[in-house]
PDB file of all heavy atoms in Angstrom:
ATOM      1  N   SER A   1       2.484  -9.606   5.815  1.00  0.00           N
ATOM      2  CA  SER A   1       3.336 -10.457   6.652  1.00  0.00           C
ATOM      3  C   SER A   1       2.936 -11.922   6.596  1.00  0.00           C
ATOM      4  O   SER A   1       3.719 -12.795   7.010  1.00  0.00           O
ATOM      5  CB  SER A   1       3.306  -9.961   8.099  1.00  0.00           C
ATOM      6  OG  SER A   1       3.852  -8.667   8.200  1.00  0.00           O
ATOM      7  N   LEU A   2       1.741 -12.233   6.096  1.00  0.00           N
ATOM      8  CA  LEU A   2       1.306 -13.622   5.984  1.00  0.00           C
ATOM      9  C   LEU A   2       1.951 -14.353   4.813  1.00  0.00           C
ATOM     10  O   LEU A   2       1.974 -15.586   4.789  1.00  0.00           O
ATOM     11  CB  LEU A   2      -0.219 -13.694   5.842  1.00  0.00           C
ATOM     12  CG  LEU A   2      -1.050 -13.274   7.050  1.00  0.00           C
ATOM     13  CD1 LEU A   2      -2.533 -13.361   6.718  1.00  0.00           C
ATOM     14  CD2 LEU A   2      -0.722 -14.145   8.255  1.00  0.00           C
ATOM     15  N   PHE A   3       2.468 -13.608   3.841  1.00  0.00           N
ATOM     16  CA  PHE A   3       3.086 -14.254   2.682  1.00  0.00           C
ATOM     17  C   PHE A   3       4.447 -14.815   3.059  1.00  0.00           C
ATOM     18  O   PHE A   3       5.301 -14.102   3.587  1.00  0.00           O
ATOM     19  CB  PHE A   3       3.242 -13.259   1.535  1.00  0.00           C
ATOM     20  CG  PHE A   3       1.962 -12.932   0.814  1.00  0.00           C
ATOM     21  CD1 PHE A   3       1.258 -11.782   1.120  1.00  0.00           C
ATOM     22  CD2 PHE A   3       1.471 -13.784  -0.168  1.00  0.00           C
ATOM     23  CE1 PHE A   3       0.082 -11.473   0.452  1.00  0.00           C
ATOM     24  CE2 PHE A   3       0.296 -13.480  -0.838  1.00  0.00           C
ATOM     25  CZ  PHE A   3      -0.397 -12.329  -0.528  1.00  0.00           C
ATOM     26  N   ARG A   4       4.634 -16.089   2.800  1.00  0.00           N
ATOM     27  CA  ARG A   4       5.931 -16.732   2.987  1.00  0.00           C
ATOM     28  C   ARG A   4       6.463 -17.072   1.602  1.00  0.00           C
ATOM     29  O   ARG A   4       6.177 -18.125   1.029  1.00  0.00           O
ATOM     30  CB  ARG A   4       5.783 -17.994   3.850  1.00  0.00           C
ATOM     31  CG  ARG A   4       5.255 -17.711   5.253  1.00  0.00           C
ATOM     32  CD  ARG A   4       5.283 -18.946   6.139  1.00  0.00           C
ATOM     33  NE  ARG A   4       4.466 -20.014   5.594  1.00  0.00           N
ATOM     34  CZ  ARG A   4       3.153 -20.130   5.784  1.00  0.00           C
ATOM     35  NH1 ARG A   4       2.506 -19.229   6.499  1.00  0.00           N
ATOM     36  NH2 ARG A   4       2.485 -21.140   5.256  1.00  0.00           N
ATOM     37  N   PHE A   5       7.232 -16.159   1.067  1.00  0.00           N
ATOM     38  CA  PHE A   5       7.645 -16.238  -0.335  1.00  0.00           C
ATOM     39  C   PHE A   5       9.119 -15.889  -0.410  1.00  0.00           C
ATOM     40  O   PHE A   5       9.536 -14.801   0.000  1.00  0.00           O
ATOM     41  CB  PHE A   5       6.810 -15.249  -1.161  1.00  0.00           C
ATOM     42  CG  PHE A   5       6.681 -15.614  -2.613  1.00  0.00           C
ATOM     43  CD1 PHE A   5       5.651 -16.433  -3.055  1.00  0.00           C
ATOM     44  CD2 PHE A   5       7.590 -15.137  -3.539  1.00  0.00           C
ATOM     45  CE1 PHE A   5       5.517 -16.772  -4.396  1.00  0.00           C
ATOM     46  CE2 PHE A   5       7.476 -15.470  -4.882  1.00  0.00           C
ATOM     47  CZ  PHE A   5       6.432 -16.285  -5.302  1.00  0.00           C
ATOM     48  N   ALA A   6       9.916 -16.817  -0.927  1.00  0.00           N
ATOM     49  CA  ALA A   6      11.364 -16.634  -0.900  1.00  0.00           C
ATOM     50  C   ALA A   6      11.854 -15.606  -1.915  1.00  0.00           C
ATOM     51  O   ALA A   6      12.847 -14.922  -1.686  1.00  0.00           O
ATOM     52  CB  ALA A   6      12.059 -17.977  -1.150  1.00  0.00           C
ATOM     53  N   GLY A   7      11.149 -15.496  -3.041  1.00  0.00           N
ATOM     54  CA  GLY A   7      11.591 -14.609  -4.106  1.00  0.00           C
ATOM     55  C   GLY A   7      11.151 -13.173  -3.898  1.00  0.00           C
ATOM     56  O   GLY A   7      10.566 -12.822  -2.867  1.00  0.00           O
ATOM     57  N   PRO A   8      11.422 -12.319  -4.879  1.00  0.00           N
ATOM     58  CA  PRO A   8      11.000 -10.917  -4.790  1.00  0.00           C
ATOM     59  C   PRO A   8       9.485 -10.794  -4.641  1.00  0.00           C
ATOM     60  O   PRO A   8       8.721 -11.524  -5.276  1.00  0.00           O
ATOM     61  CB  PRO A   8      11.480 -10.318  -6.118  1.00  0.00           C
ATOM     62  CG  PRO A   8      12.592 -11.224  -6.565  1.00  0.00           C
ATOM     63  CD  PRO A   8      12.205 -12.587  -6.106  1.00  0.00           C
ATOM     64  N   LYS A   9       9.072  -9.851  -3.817  1.00  0.00           N
ATOM     65  CA  LYS A   9       7.652  -9.586  -3.570  1.00  0.00           C
ATOM     66  C   LYS A   9       7.354  -8.157  -4.014  1.00  0.00           C
ATOM     67  O   LYS A   9       7.910  -7.199  -3.465  1.00  0.00           O
ATOM     68  CB  LYS A   9       7.316  -9.781  -2.083  1.00  0.00           C
ATOM     69  CG  LYS A   9       7.605 -11.189  -1.579  1.00  0.00           C
ATOM     70  CD  LYS A   9       7.185 -11.378  -0.132  1.00  0.00           C
ATOM     71  CE  LYS A   9       8.014 -10.573   0.852  1.00  0.00           C
ATOM     72  NZ  LYS A   9       9.409 -11.050   0.942  1.00  0.00           N
ATOM     73  N   LEU A  10       6.481  -8.022  -5.014  1.00  0.00           N
ATOM     74  CA  LEU A  10       6.182  -6.742  -5.637  1.00  0.00           C
ATOM     75  C   LEU A  10       4.771  -6.309  -5.260  1.00  0.00           C
ATOM     76  O   LEU A  10       3.879  -7.133  -5.118  1.00  0.00           O
ATOM     77  CB  LEU A  10       6.277  -6.845  -7.168  1.00  0.00           C
ATOM     78  CG  LEU A  10       7.415  -7.689  -7.757  1.00  0.00           C
ATOM     79  CD1 LEU A  10       7.317  -7.707  -9.272  1.00  0.00           C
ATOM     80  CD2 LEU A  10       8.765  -7.172  -7.295  1.00  0.00           C
ATOM     81  N   ILE A  11       4.560  -5.000  -5.142  1.00  0.00           N
ATOM     82  CA  ILE A  11       3.232  -4.513  -4.778  1.00  0.00           C
ATOM     83  C   ILE A  11       2.945  -3.189  -5.470  1.00  0.00           C
ATOM     84  O   ILE A  11       3.840  -2.359  -5.656  1.00  0.00           O
ATOM     85  CB  ILE A  11       3.104  -4.354  -3.242  1.00  0.00           C
ATOM     86  CG1 ILE A  11       1.653  -4.036  -2.850  1.00  0.00           C
ATOM     87  CG2 ILE A  11       4.083  -3.336  -2.700  1.00  0.00           C
ATOM     88  CD1 ILE A  11       1.390  -4.134  -1.351  1.00  0.00           C
ATOM     89  N   VAL A  12       1.701  -3.024  -5.889  1.00  0.00           N
ATOM     90  CA  VAL A  12       1.188  -1.717  -6.279  1.00  0.00           C
ATOM     91  C   VAL A  12      -0.005  -1.405  -5.384  1.00  0.00           C
ATOM     92  O   VAL A  12      -0.614  -2.299  -4.799  1.00  0.00           O
ATOM     93  CB  VAL A  12       0.774  -1.655  -7.767  1.00  0.00           C
ATOM     94  CG1 VAL A  12       1.961  -1.908  -8.672  1.00  0.00           C
ATOM     95  CG2 VAL A  12      -0.344  -2.640  -8.075  1.00  0.00           C
ATOM     96  N   ALA A  13      -0.329  -0.136  -5.269  1.00  0.00           N
ATOM     97  CA  ALA A  13      -1.476   0.287  -4.475  1.00  0.00           C
ATOM     98  C   ALA A  13      -2.750   0.205  -5.303  1.00  0.00           C
ATOM     99  O   ALA A  13      -2.722   0.198  -6.537  1.00  0.00           O
ATOM    100  CB  ALA A  13      -1.272   1.714  -3.976  1.00  0.00           C
ATOM    101  N   GLY A  14      -3.872   0.126  -4.610  1.00  0.00           N
ATOM    102  CA  GLY A  14      -5.176   0.327  -5.213  1.00  0.00           C
ATOM    103  C   GLY A  14      -5.796   1.588  -4.642  1.00  0.00           C
ATOM    104  O   GLY A  14      -5.190   2.281  -3.813  1.00  0.00           O
ATOM    105  N   ASN A  15      -7.007   1.887  -5.042  1.00  0.00           N
ATOM    106  CA  ASN A  15      -7.658   3.074  -4.485  1.00  0.00           C
ATOM    107  C   ASN A  15      -7.891   2.939  -2.982  1.00  0.00           C
ATOM    108  O   ASN A  15      -7.840   3.932  -2.242  1.00  0.00           O
ATOM    109  CB  ASN A  15      -8.964   3.374  -5.216  1.00  0.00           C
ATOM    110  CG  ASN A  15      -9.951   2.224  -5.199  1.00  0.00           C
ATOM    111  OD1 ASN A  15      -9.597   1.092  -5.537  1.00  0.00           O
ATOM    112  ND2 ASN A  15     -11.193   2.494  -4.808  1.00  0.00           N
ATOM    113  N   HIS A  16      -8.084   1.709  -2.483  1.00  0.00           N
ATOM    114  CA  HIS A  16      -8.358   1.552  -1.049  1.00  0.00           C
ATOM    115  C   HIS A  16      -7.139   1.864  -0.193  1.00  0.00           C
ATOM    116  O   HIS A  16      -7.297   2.273   0.960  1.00  0.00           O
ATOM    117  CB  HIS A  16      -8.863   0.137  -0.762  1.00  0.00           C
ATOM    118  CG  HIS A  16     -10.321  -0.036  -1.036  1.00  0.00           C
ATOM    119  ND1 HIS A  16     -11.255  -0.286  -0.062  1.00  0.00           N
ATOM    120  CD2 HIS A  16     -11.015   0.036  -2.197  1.00  0.00           C
ATOM    121  CE1 HIS A  16     -12.460  -0.375  -0.596  1.00  0.00           C
ATOM    122  NE2 HIS A  16     -12.333  -0.188  -1.900  1.00  0.00           N
ATOM    123  N   GLU A  17      -5.939   1.685  -0.724  1.00  0.00           N
ATOM    124  CA  GLU A  17      -4.753   2.086   0.048  1.00  0.00           C
ATOM    125  C   GLU A  17      -4.718   3.595   0.274  1.00  0.00           C
ATOM    126  O   GLU A  17      -4.025   4.075   1.166  1.00  0.00           O
ATOM    127  CB  GLU A  17      -3.469   1.635  -0.659  1.00  0.00           C
ATOM    128  CG  GLU A  17      -3.037   0.224  -0.343  1.00  0.00           C
ATOM    129  CD  GLU A  17      -3.788  -0.818  -1.161  1.00  0.00           C
ATOM    130  OE1 GLU A  17      -4.526  -0.437  -2.106  1.00  0.00           O
ATOM    131  OE2 GLU A  17      -3.647  -2.017  -0.877  1.00  0.00           O
ATOM    132  N   LEU A  18      -5.442   4.345  -0.540  1.00  0.00           N
ATOM    133  CA  LEU A  18      -5.492   5.795  -0.395  1.00  0.00           C
ATOM    134  C   LEU A  18      -6.627   6.252   0.511  1.00  0.00           C
ATOM    135  O   LEU A  18      -6.776   7.449   0.775  1.00  0.00           O
ATOM    136  CB  LEU A  18      -5.609   6.466  -1.766  1.00  0.00           C
ATOM    137  CG  LEU A  18      -4.299   6.652  -2.548  1.00  0.00           C
ATOM    138  CD1 LEU A  18      -3.666   5.306  -2.903  1.00  0.00           C
ATOM    139  CD2 LEU A  18      -4.524   7.467  -3.807  1.00  0.00           C
ATOM    140  N   TRP A  19      -7.461   5.318   0.994  1.00  0.00           N
ATOM    141  CA  TRP A  19      -8.546   5.662   1.922  1.00  0.00           C
ATOM    142  C   TRP A  19      -7.949   5.975   3.291  1.00  0.00           C
ATOM    143  O   TRP A  19      -7.182   5.185   3.842  1.00  0.00           O
ATOM    144  CB  TRP A  19      -9.517   4.497   2.054  1.00  0.00           C
ATOM    145  CG  TRP A  19     -10.470   4.319   0.914  1.00  0.00           C
ATOM    146  CD1 TRP A  19     -10.315   4.729  -0.370  1.00  0.00           C
ATOM    147  CD2 TRP A  19     -11.727   3.634   0.966  1.00  0.00           C
ATOM    148  NE1 TRP A  19     -11.402   4.354  -1.126  1.00  0.00           N
ATOM    149  CE2 TRP A  19     -12.281   3.682  -0.331  1.00  0.00           C
ATOM    150  CE3 TRP A  19     -12.422   2.995   1.979  1.00  0.00           C
ATOM    151  CZ2 TRP A  19     -13.513   3.105  -0.634  1.00  0.00           C
ATOM    152  CZ3 TRP A  19     -13.649   2.417   1.686  1.00  0.00           C
ATOM    153  CH2 TRP A  19     -14.191   2.478   0.392  1.00  0.00           C
ATOM    154  N   THR A  20      -8.334   7.110   3.844  1.00  0.00           N
ATOM    155  CA  THR A  20      -7.794   7.497   5.140  1.00  0.00           C
ATOM    156  C   THR A  20      -8.722   8.497   5.823  1.00  0.00           C
ATOM    157  O   THR A  20      -9.444   9.250   5.161  1.00  0.00           O
ATOM    158  CB  THR A  20      -6.390   8.127   4.980  1.00  0.00           C
ATOM    159  OG1 THR A  20      -5.900   8.522   6.259  1.00  0.00           O
ATOM    160  CG2 THR A  20      -6.415   9.331   4.055  1.00  0.00           C
ATOM    161  N   HIS A  21      -8.683   8.499   7.160  1.00  0.00           N
ATOM    162  CA  HIS A  21      -9.340   9.543   7.931  1.00  0.00           C
ATOM    163  C   HIS A  21      -8.449  10.779   8.047  1.00  0.00           C
ATOM    164  O   HIS A  21      -8.887  11.819   8.524  1.00  0.00           O
ATOM    165  CB  HIS A  21      -9.687   9.042   9.335  1.00  0.00           C
ATOM    166  CG  HIS A  21     -10.712   7.943   9.335  1.00  0.00           C
ATOM    167  ND1 HIS A  21     -12.012   8.129   8.908  1.00  0.00           N
ATOM    168  CD2 HIS A  21     -10.625   6.638   9.703  1.00  0.00           C
ATOM    169  CE1 HIS A  21     -12.690   6.999   9.021  1.00  0.00           C
ATOM    170  NE2 HIS A  21     -11.867   6.076   9.501  1.00  0.00           N
ATOM    171  N   GLY A  22      -7.202  10.654   7.606  1.00  0.00           N
ATOM    172  CA  GLY A  22      -6.283  11.775   7.637  1.00  0.00           C
ATOM    173  C   GLY A  22      -6.538  12.756   6.511  1.00  0.00           C
ATOM    174  O   GLY A  22      -7.439  12.567   5.683  1.00  0.00           O
ATOM    175  N   PRO A  23      -5.700  13.794   6.420  1.00  0.00           N
ATOM    176  CA  PRO A  23      -5.979  14.890   5.482  1.00  0.00           C
ATOM    177  C   PRO A  23      -5.397  14.725   4.086  1.00  0.00           C
ATOM    178  O   PRO A  23      -5.733  15.513   3.196  1.00  0.00           O
ATOM    179  CB  PRO A  23      -5.351  16.097   6.177  1.00  0.00           C
ATOM    180  CG  PRO A  23      -4.168  15.514   6.906  1.00  0.00           C
ATOM    181  CD  PRO A  23      -4.614  14.146   7.360  1.00  0.00           C
ATOM    182  N   ASP A  24      -4.504  13.751   3.855  1.00  0.00           N
ATOM    183  CA  ASP A  24      -3.728  13.796   2.609  1.00  0.00           C
ATOM    184  C   ASP A  24      -3.418  12.405   2.080  1.00  0.00           C
ATOM    185  O   ASP A  24      -2.441  11.771   2.480  1.00  0.00           O
ATOM    186  CB  ASP A  24      -2.429  14.571   2.847  1.00  0.00           C
ATOM    187  CG  ASP A  24      -1.734  14.966   1.551  1.00  0.00           C
ATOM    188  OD1 ASP A  24      -2.035  14.380   0.509  1.00  0.00           O
ATOM    189  OD2 ASP A  24      -0.881  15.872   1.602  1.00  0.00           O
ATOM    190  N   SER A  25      -4.241  11.916   1.167  1.00  0.00           N
ATOM    191  CA  SER A  25      -3.997  10.619   0.540  1.00  0.00           C
ATOM    192  C   SER A  25      -2.794  10.662  -0.389  1.00  0.00           C
ATOM    193  O   SER A  25      -2.095   9.656  -0.564  1.00  0.00           O
ATOM    194  CB  SER A  25      -5.231  10.186  -0.264  1.00  0.00           C
ATOM    195  OG  SER A  25      -6.350  10.010   0.560  1.00  0.00           O
ATOM    196  N   HIS A  26      -2.546  11.813  -1.004  1.00  0.00           N
ATOM    197  CA  HIS A  26      -1.418  11.905  -1.934  1.00  0.00           C
ATOM    198  C   HIS A  26      -0.097  11.710  -1.202  1.00  0.00           C
ATOM    199  O   HIS A  26       0.802  11.001  -1.686  1.00  0.00           O
ATOM    200  CB  HIS A  26      -1.444  13.242  -2.677  1.00  0.00           C
ATOM    201  CG  HIS A  26      -0.538  13.284  -3.864  1.00  0.00           C
ATOM    202  ND1 HIS A  26       0.750  13.758  -3.794  1.00  0.00           N
ATOM    203  CD2 HIS A  26      -0.726  12.889  -5.154  1.00  0.00           C
ATOM    204  CE1 HIS A  26       1.320  13.674  -4.986  1.00  0.00           C
ATOM    205  NE2 HIS A  26       0.447  13.150  -5.830  1.00  0.00           N
ATOM    206  N   ALA A  27       0.046  12.329  -0.031  1.00  0.00           N
ATOM    207  CA  ALA A  27       1.260  12.138   0.762  1.00  0.00           C
ATOM    208  C   ALA A  27       1.403  10.677   1.183  1.00  0.00           C
ATOM    209  O   ALA A  27       2.511  10.134   1.199  1.00  0.00           O
ATOM    210  CB  ALA A  27       1.251  13.054   1.983  1.00  0.00           C
ATOM    211  N   LEU A  28       0.296  10.035   1.534  1.00  0.00           N
ATOM    212  CA  LEU A  28       0.336   8.613   1.842  1.00  0.00           C
ATOM    213  C   LEU A  28       0.906   7.824   0.673  1.00  0.00           C
ATOM    214  O   LEU A  28       1.741   6.929   0.842  1.00  0.00           O
ATOM    215  CB  LEU A  28      -1.073   8.094   2.150  1.00  0.00           C
ATOM    216  CG  LEU A  28      -1.645   8.335   3.543  1.00  0.00           C
ATOM    217  CD1 LEU A  28      -3.109   7.929   3.565  1.00  0.00           C
ATOM    218  CD2 LEU A  28      -0.859   7.556   4.584  1.00  0.00           C
ATOM    219  N   PHE A  29       0.433   8.168  -0.518  1.00  0.00           N
ATOM    220  CA  PHE A  29       0.791   7.407  -1.710  1.00  0.00           C
ATOM    221  C   PHE A  29       2.258   7.591  -2.099  1.00  0.00           C
ATOM    222  O   PHE A  29       2.939   6.625  -2.454  1.00  0.00           O
ATOM    223  CB  PHE A  29      -0.116   7.824  -2.869  1.00  0.00           C
ATOM    224  CG  PHE A  29       0.162   7.114  -4.157  1.00  0.00           C
ATOM    225  CD1 PHE A  29      -0.246   5.806  -4.353  1.00  0.00           C
ATOM    226  CD2 PHE A  29       0.851   7.756  -5.175  1.00  0.00           C
ATOM    227  CE1 PHE A  29       0.021   5.154  -5.537  1.00  0.00           C
ATOM    228  CE2 PHE A  29       1.114   7.108  -6.363  1.00  0.00           C
ATOM    229  CZ  PHE A  29       0.705   5.798  -6.551  1.00  0.00           C
ATOM    230  N   VAL A  30       2.748   8.803  -2.060  1.00  0.00           N
ATOM    231  CA  VAL A  30       4.099   9.057  -2.561  1.00  0.00           C
ATOM    232  C   VAL A  30       5.174   8.864  -1.498  1.00  0.00           C
ATOM    233  O   VAL A  30       6.345   8.668  -1.834  1.00  0.00           O
ATOM    234  CB  VAL A  30       4.216  10.479  -3.156  1.00  0.00           C
ATOM    235  CG1 VAL A  30       3.250  10.653  -4.320  1.00  0.00           C
ATOM    236  CG2 VAL A  30       3.997  11.555  -2.113  1.00  0.00           C
TER     237      VAL A  30
END
């Protein structure tokens, strides 16, 4: 939300986006 960018904003995940205390990183990812 800090990015102020008028054009398209693209993102890919890293391994840290899959870090969770929950049971299923794969479900988070997909």
